[in-house]
């Protein structure tokens, strides 16, 4: 148990440090937005570029990993959306529940965690997770959210185009694509550029966790507690369980699946709490209280569930 806690405790201690620093007045909530902007727009893009550019194209685009990660995420969206529909939950809250259950925080929490367990895999795992999340999982949930309100005459193709355009403009995606271009062409970067990217990438991990903790202060907590609890269970338990099931099913029918450390990193990636802007997206539909409750519950509960999973899988 002591060895497992050396992995999980630093992660959640940094989150707690961020929370305590804001709660005690050392930083303001607005400061977390500034630091978060730096991590999201500079540090993580540099990290993704570095991780991808230094590896072969086939290593970055591991079809077996991508397929299982995609199947697990889409299965989670379908199951949660269907189950909440049976319960009589409205379409917007169903979409928010599906998003919270199927979209992990791969950048701010997942990468630091995987980095401590599998340092050689952390960068490429982050890159593959980001590909699936940004181009399929999150857009699918955004489409479900848009269908919950009048579309003002917009066609499905126009809606898809708007979402795709918003995705490709993100610095994270730009950094990922630039890294892929370097990987494919085999270009050698100048030593000074490599050093700069290394320094920027190194700043991402601790600062991201600090921002997550600080951002939890002051979140609105009025919402459906029962549904928030279901979202927490969906994110921390259902998502990794369905992903494990997808991997077992593919293996049973003779389809290649990730093995060894890569398989463990995949399952752990799906067991992370939901991504940081979850509450902001829910706020557009008037359900920031529900999303905040779920985010708080998943972030704190993940300390227990991840500790257990790491002890079982690693």
Protein backbone atom coordinates (compact mmCIF):
# COMPACT_ATOMS: atom_id res chain seq x y z
CA UNK A 1 0.00 0.00 0.00
CA UNK A 2 2.85 2.38 0.79
CA UNK A 3 4.20 2.05 -2.75
CA UNK A 4 0.79 2.82 -4.23
CA UNK A 5 0.36 5.91 -2.05
CA UNK A 6 3.70 7.24 -3.28
CA UNK A 7 1.99 7.47 -6.67
CA UNK A 8 -1.46 8.78 -5.77
CA UNK A 9 -0.65 10.90 -2.71
CA UNK A 10 1.60 13.46 -4.50
CA UNK A 11 -1.04 13.90 -7.21
CA UNK A 12 -3.86 14.66 -4.80
CA UNK A 13 -1.59 16.53 -2.40
CA UNK A 14 -0.88 18.99 -5.22
CA UNK A 15 -4.61 19.29 -5.90
CA UNK A 16 -5.14 19.88 -2.18
CA UNK A 17 -2.34 22.45 -2.14
CA UNK A 18 -4.05 24.37 -4.92
CA UNK A 19 -7.38 24.23 -3.11
CA UNK A 20 -5.86 25.31 0.20
CA UNK A 21 -3.88 28.14 -1.37
CA UNK A 22 -7.03 29.68 -2.82
CA UNK A 23 -9.16 28.96 0.26
CA UNK A 24 -6.57 30.68 2.49
CA UNK A 25 -6.34 33.70 0.21
CA UNK A 26 -2.80 33.16 -1.09
CA UNK A 27 -4.26 33.06 -4.60
CA UNK A 28 -7.59 34.14 -6.05
CA UNK A 29 -9.90 31.98 -8.15
CA UNK A 30 -9.18 34.37 -11.01
CA UNK A 31 -5.48 33.50 -10.69
CA UNK A 32 -6.33 29.88 -11.41
CA UNK A 33 -7.90 30.94 -14.70
CA UNK A 34 -4.69 32.73 -15.66
CA UNK A 35 -2.48 29.79 -14.68
CA UNK A 36 -4.91 27.40 -16.36
CA UNK A 37 -4.73 29.40 -19.57
CA UNK A 38 -0.95 29.08 -19.53
CA UNK A 39 -1.14 25.32 -18.99
CA UNK A 40 -3.84 24.81 -21.61
CA UNK A 41 -2.44 27.09 -24.31
CA UNK A 42 1.33 26.84 -23.84
CA UNK A 43 2.61 24.11 -21.51
CA UNK A 44 0.37 21.21 -22.62
CA UNK A 45 0.69 21.99 -26.36
CA UNK A 46 4.48 22.01 -25.93
CA UNK A 47 4.23 18.72 -24.04
CA UNK A 48 2.10 17.12 -26.76
CA UNK A 49 4.40 18.37 -29.50
CA UNK A 50 7.42 17.01 -27.67
CA UNK A 51 5.80 13.65 -26.98
CA UNK A 52 4.74 13.11 -30.58
CA UNK A 53 7.67 14.63 -32.47
CA UNK A 54 10.21 12.38 -30.73
CA UNK A 55 8.40 9.14 -31.65
CA UNK A 56 7.62 7.25 -34.83
CA UNK A 57 4.23 7.82 -36.42
CA UNK A 58 3.18 4.20 -35.86
CA UNK A 59 3.98 4.46 -32.15
CA UNK A 60 1.87 7.58 -31.74
CA UNK A 61 -1.08 6.26 -33.73
CA UNK A 62 -1.43 2.87 -32.08
CA UNK A 63 -4.64 1.62 -33.68
CA UNK A 64 -5.22 -1.01 -30.99
CA UNK A 65 -5.04 1.55 -28.20
CA UNK A 66 -7.13 4.12 -30.05
CA UNK A 67 -9.82 1.56 -30.89
CA UNK A 68 -10.28 0.37 -27.31
CA UNK A 69 -10.20 3.90 -25.88
CA UNK A 70 -12.80 4.99 -28.44
CA UNK A 71 -15.08 1.99 -27.88
CA UNK A 72 -14.95 2.41 -24.10
CA UNK A 73 -15.80 6.09 -24.31
CA UNK A 74 -18.63 5.69 -26.82
CA UNK A 75 -20.08 2.76 -24.85
CA UNK A 76 -20.08 4.93 -21.73
CA UNK A 77 -21.87 7.77 -23.52
CA UNK A 78 -24.51 5.36 -24.87
CA UNK A 79 -25.09 3.54 -21.57
CA UNK A 80 -25.30 6.69 -19.42
CA UNK A 81 -27.50 8.52 -21.92
CA UNK A 82 -29.83 5.52 -22.14
CA UNK A 83 -30.00 4.86 -18.39
CA UNK A 84 -30.71 8.48 -17.51
CA UNK A 85 -33.38 8.52 -20.21
CA UNK A 86 -35.10 5.55 -18.58
CA UNK A 87 -35.03 7.51 -15.31
CA UNK A 88 -36.90 10.38 -16.96
CA UNK A 89 -33.97 12.83 -16.92
CA UNK A 90 -34.28 15.69 -19.40
CA UNK A 91 -32.16 15.71 -22.59
CA UNK A 92 -29.72 18.43 -21.52
CA UNK A 93 -28.97 16.81 -18.16
CA UNK A 94 -28.66 13.42 -19.89
CA UNK A 95 -26.02 14.88 -22.23
CA UNK A 96 -24.20 16.50 -19.30
CA UNK A 97 -24.25 13.18 -17.44
CA UNK A 98 -22.86 11.37 -20.50
CA UNK A 99 -20.10 13.96 -20.96
CA UNK A 100 -19.09 13.84 -17.30
CA UNK A 101 -18.97 10.04 -17.35
CA UNK A 102 -17.05 9.58 -20.62
CA UNK A 103 -14.58 12.48 -20.92
CA UNK A 104 -11.59 12.12 -18.54
CA UNK A 105 -9.14 14.81 -17.53
CA UNK A 106 -6.22 13.35 -19.48
CA UNK A 107 -4.15 16.53 -19.47
CA UNK A 108 -4.38 17.93 -15.94
CA UNK A 109 -4.72 14.71 -13.92
CA UNK A 110 -4.16 11.76 -16.23
CA UNK A 111 -0.76 12.81 -17.58
CA UNK A 112 0.82 13.49 -14.15
CA UNK A 113 -0.52 10.17 -12.87
CA UNK A 114 0.70 8.12 -15.85
CA UNK A 115 4.01 9.99 -15.74
CA UNK A 116 4.68 8.67 -12.23
CA UNK A 117 3.77 5.09 -13.16
CA UNK A 118 4.96 4.74 -16.78
CA UNK A 119 7.20 7.74 -17.56
CA UNK A 120 8.16 6.43 -21.00
CA UNK A 121 4.51 6.05 -22.05
CA UNK A 122 2.94 9.15 -20.52
CA UNK A 123 3.46 11.50 -23.46
CA UNK A 124 2.24 9.19 -26.19
CA UNK A 125 -0.73 8.05 -24.06
CA UNK A 126 -1.71 11.70 -23.57
CA UNK A 127 -1.46 12.33 -27.32
CA UNK A 128 -3.68 9.37 -28.22
CA UNK A 129 -6.21 10.21 -25.52
CA UNK A 130 -6.41 13.79 -26.75
CA UNK A 131 -7.03 12.66 -30.32
CA UNK A 132 -10.05 10.56 -29.37
CA UNK A 133 -11.40 13.00 -26.78
CA UNK A 134 -11.13 16.15 -28.88
CA UNK A 135 -12.33 14.73 -32.18
CA UNK A 136 -14.94 12.17 -31.12
CA UNK A 137 -15.97 11.94 -27.46
CA UNK A 138 -16.36 15.63 -26.59
CA UNK A 139 -17.92 16.57 -29.97
CA UNK A 140 -20.42 13.70 -29.61
CA UNK A 141 -21.50 15.03 -26.21
CA UNK A 142 -21.66 18.60 -27.52
CA UNK A 143 -23.97 17.44 -30.31
CA UNK A 144 -26.22 15.74 -27.74
CA UNK A 145 -26.28 18.99 -25.77
CA UNK A 146 -27.16 21.02 -28.86
CA UNK A 147 -30.01 18.66 -29.69
CA UNK A 148 -31.49 19.42 -26.25
CA UNK A 149 -32.45 22.93 -27.38
CA UNK A 150 -33.83 24.48 -30.58
CA UNK A 151 -31.15 24.58 -33.26
CA UNK A 152 -32.47 27.80 -34.85
CA UNK A 153 -32.50 26.27 -38.31
CA UNK A 154 -28.94 24.96 -38.19
CA UNK A 155 -28.44 21.67 -40.01
CA UNK A 156 -26.52 18.77 -38.51
CA UNK A 157 -23.73 19.32 -41.06
CA UNK A 158 -23.38 22.96 -40.08
CA UNK A 159 -23.33 22.00 -36.41
CA UNK A 160 -20.63 19.41 -37.04
CA UNK A 161 -18.62 21.95 -39.01
CA UNK A 162 -18.79 24.50 -36.19
CA UNK A 163 -17.67 21.93 -33.63
CA UNK A 164 -14.82 20.66 -35.84
CA UNK A 165 -13.63 24.22 -36.47
CA UNK A 166 -13.59 24.95 -32.73
CA UNK A 167 -11.56 21.77 -32.15
CA UNK A 168 -8.84 22.39 -34.75
CA UNK A 169 -8.29 25.93 -33.43
CA UNK A 170 -7.28 24.69 -29.97
CA UNK A 171 -3.55 25.09 -29.16
CA UNK A 172 -3.54 21.51 -27.83
CA UNK A 173 -4.67 20.16 -31.20
CA UNK A 174 -2.31 22.44 -33.11
CA UNK A 175 0.62 21.24 -31.01
CA UNK A 176 -0.43 17.65 -31.57
CA UNK A 177 -0.70 18.09 -35.34
CA UNK A 178 2.66 19.89 -35.56
CA UNK A 179 4.25 17.07 -33.59
CA UNK A 180 2.72 14.53 -35.98
CA UNK A 181 4.13 16.48 -38.93
CA UNK A 182 7.64 16.35 -37.43
CA UNK A 183 7.21 12.66 -36.63
CA UNK A 184 6.14 11.83 -40.21
CA UNK A 185 8.82 13.90 -41.92
CA UNK A 186 11.62 13.00 -39.52
CA UNK A 187 12.77 16.62 -39.23
CA UNK A 188 15.43 17.37 -36.63
CA UNK A 189 14.70 20.38 -34.44
CA UNK A 190 17.48 22.79 -33.38
CA UNK A 191 18.91 22.04 -29.96
CA UNK A 192 17.73 25.39 -28.57
CA UNK A 193 14.14 24.66 -29.66
CA UNK A 194 14.26 21.21 -28.09
CA UNK A 195 15.52 22.66 -24.83
CA UNK A 196 12.79 25.33 -24.80
CA UNK A 197 10.08 22.73 -25.42
CA UNK A 198 11.49 20.52 -22.67
CA UNK A 199 11.33 23.37 -20.16
CA UNK A 200 7.75 24.30 -21.15
CA UNK A 201 6.62 20.67 -21.05
CA UNK A 202 8.17 20.14 -17.61
CA UNK A 203 6.08 23.01 -16.23
CA UNK A 204 2.78 21.36 -17.17
CA UNK A 205 2.40 18.57 -14.63
CA UNK A 206 2.60 20.22 -11.20
CA UNK A 207 0.98 23.45 -12.32
CA UNK A 208 -1.96 21.62 -13.90
CA UNK A 209 -2.72 19.79 -10.66
CA UNK A 210 -2.39 23.00 -8.64
CA UNK A 211 -4.88 24.71 -10.98
CA UNK A 212 -7.37 21.84 -10.67
CA UNK A 213 -7.37 22.18 -6.88
CA UNK A 214 -7.63 25.95 -6.87
CA UNK A 215 -10.44 25.90 -9.40
CA UNK A 216 -12.58 23.75 -7.09
CA UNK A 217 -12.94 26.65 -4.63
CA UNK A 218 -16.23 28.49 -4.92
CA UNK A 219 -17.89 26.19 -7.43
CA UNK A 220 -21.70 26.38 -7.25
CA UNK A 221 -23.04 23.23 -5.61
CA UNK A 222 -26.79 23.58 -6.11
CA UNK A 223 -27.95 20.73 -8.29
CA UNK A 224 -29.38 17.26 -8.44
CA UNK A 225 -27.29 15.36 -5.89
CA UNK A 226 -28.57 11.95 -6.99
CA UNK A 227 -27.69 12.55 -10.64
CA UNK A 228 -24.32 14.05 -9.65
CA UNK A 229 -23.57 10.87 -7.69
CA UNK A 230 -24.49 8.78 -10.73
CA UNK A 231 -22.10 10.84 -12.86
CA UNK A 232 -19.30 10.25 -10.33
CA UNK A 233 -19.93 6.50 -10.43
CA UNK A 234 -20.11 6.63 -14.21
CA UNK A 235 -16.77 8.40 -14.52
CA UNK A 236 -14.74 6.60 -11.88
CA UNK A 237 -16.16 3.07 -12.22
CA UNK A 238 -18.41 2.57 -15.26
CA UNK A 239 -16.09 4.15 -17.82
CA UNK A 240 -13.03 2.01 -16.92
CA UNK A 241 -15.26 -1.08 -16.54
CA UNK A 242 -16.77 -0.65 -20.01
CA UNK A 243 -13.34 0.03 -21.49
CA UNK A 244 -11.99 -3.13 -19.89
CA UNK A 245 -15.02 -4.99 -21.26
CA UNK A 246 -14.40 -3.61 -24.75
CA UNK A 247 -10.77 -4.72 -24.60
CA UNK A 248 -11.77 -8.20 -23.38
CA UNK A 249 -14.42 -8.51 -26.11
CA UNK A 250 -12.02 -7.52 -28.88
CA UNK A 251 -9.41 -9.94 -27.57
CA UNK A 252 -12.01 -12.74 -27.43
CA UNK A 253 -12.92 -12.31 -31.10
CA UNK A 254 -9.29 -12.21 -32.19
CA UNK A 255 -8.85 -8.45 -32.66
CA UNK A 256 -5.54 -6.99 -31.49
CA UNK A 257 -5.63 -5.02 -28.23
CA UNK A 258 -3.00 -3.17 -26.16
CA UNK A 259 -0.93 -5.38 -23.91
CA UNK A 260 1.17 -4.95 -20.78
CA UNK A 261 1.87 -1.45 -19.50
CA UNK A 262 0.02 0.19 -22.39
CA UNK A 263 -3.17 -1.70 -21.48
CA UNK A 264 -2.84 -0.64 -17.83
CA UNK A 265 -2.25 2.99 -18.85
CA UNK A 266 -5.38 2.83 -21.01
CA UNK A 267 -7.63 1.59 -18.21
CA UNK A 268 -6.20 4.08 -15.72
CA UNK A 269 -6.72 6.91 -18.23
CA UNK A 270 -10.44 6.20 -18.30
CA UNK A 271 -10.62 6.18 -14.48
CA UNK A 272 -9.60 9.83 -14.15
CA UNK A 273 -12.14 12.47 -13.04
CA UNK A 274 -13.82 14.51 -15.77
CA UNK A 275 -12.03 17.27 -17.70
CA UNK A 276 -11.65 20.73 -16.21
CA UNK A 277 -13.97 22.81 -18.42
CA UNK A 278 -16.88 20.46 -17.73
CA UNK A 279 -18.62 23.00 -15.50
CA UNK A 280 -18.15 25.79 -18.05
CA UNK A 281 -19.84 23.77 -20.78
CA UNK A 282 -22.69 22.85 -18.43
CA UNK A 283 -23.08 26.51 -17.43
CA UNK A 284 -24.20 27.38 -20.96
CA UNK A 285 -27.27 25.21 -20.34
CA UNK A 286 -27.94 26.31 -16.75
CA UNK A 287 -26.66 23.16 -15.05
CA UNK A 288 -23.34 24.33 -13.59
CA UNK A 289 -24.49 23.24 -10.11
CA UNK A 290 -24.98 19.66 -11.24
CA UNK A 291 -21.64 19.64 -13.05
CA UNK A 292 -19.82 21.22 -10.10
CA UNK A 293 -21.16 18.64 -7.66
CA UNK A 294 -20.09 15.86 -10.00
CA UNK A 295 -16.64 17.39 -10.54
CA UNK A 296 -16.05 17.82 -6.80
CA UNK A 297 -17.20 14.28 -6.09
CA UNK A 298 -15.16 12.72 -8.87
CA UNK A 299 -11.98 14.64 -8.05
CA UNK A 300 -12.08 13.70 -4.37
CA UNK A 301 -13.37 10.17 -4.96
CA UNK A 302 -10.66 9.46 -7.51
CA UNK A 303 -8.07 9.35 -4.74
CA UNK A 304 -9.74 6.20 -3.40
CA UNK A 305 -10.69 4.55 -6.70
CA UNK A 306 -7.35 5.22 -8.40
CA UNK A 307 -5.41 3.98 -5.39
CA UNK A 308 -7.38 0.72 -5.51
CA UNK A 309 -7.04 0.36 -9.29
CA UNK A 310 -3.31 1.00 -9.26
CA UNK A 311 -2.88 -1.60 -6.54
CA UNK A 312 -4.85 -4.09 -8.66
CA UNK A 313 -3.41 -3.33 -12.09
CA UNK A 314 0.19 -2.21 -11.58
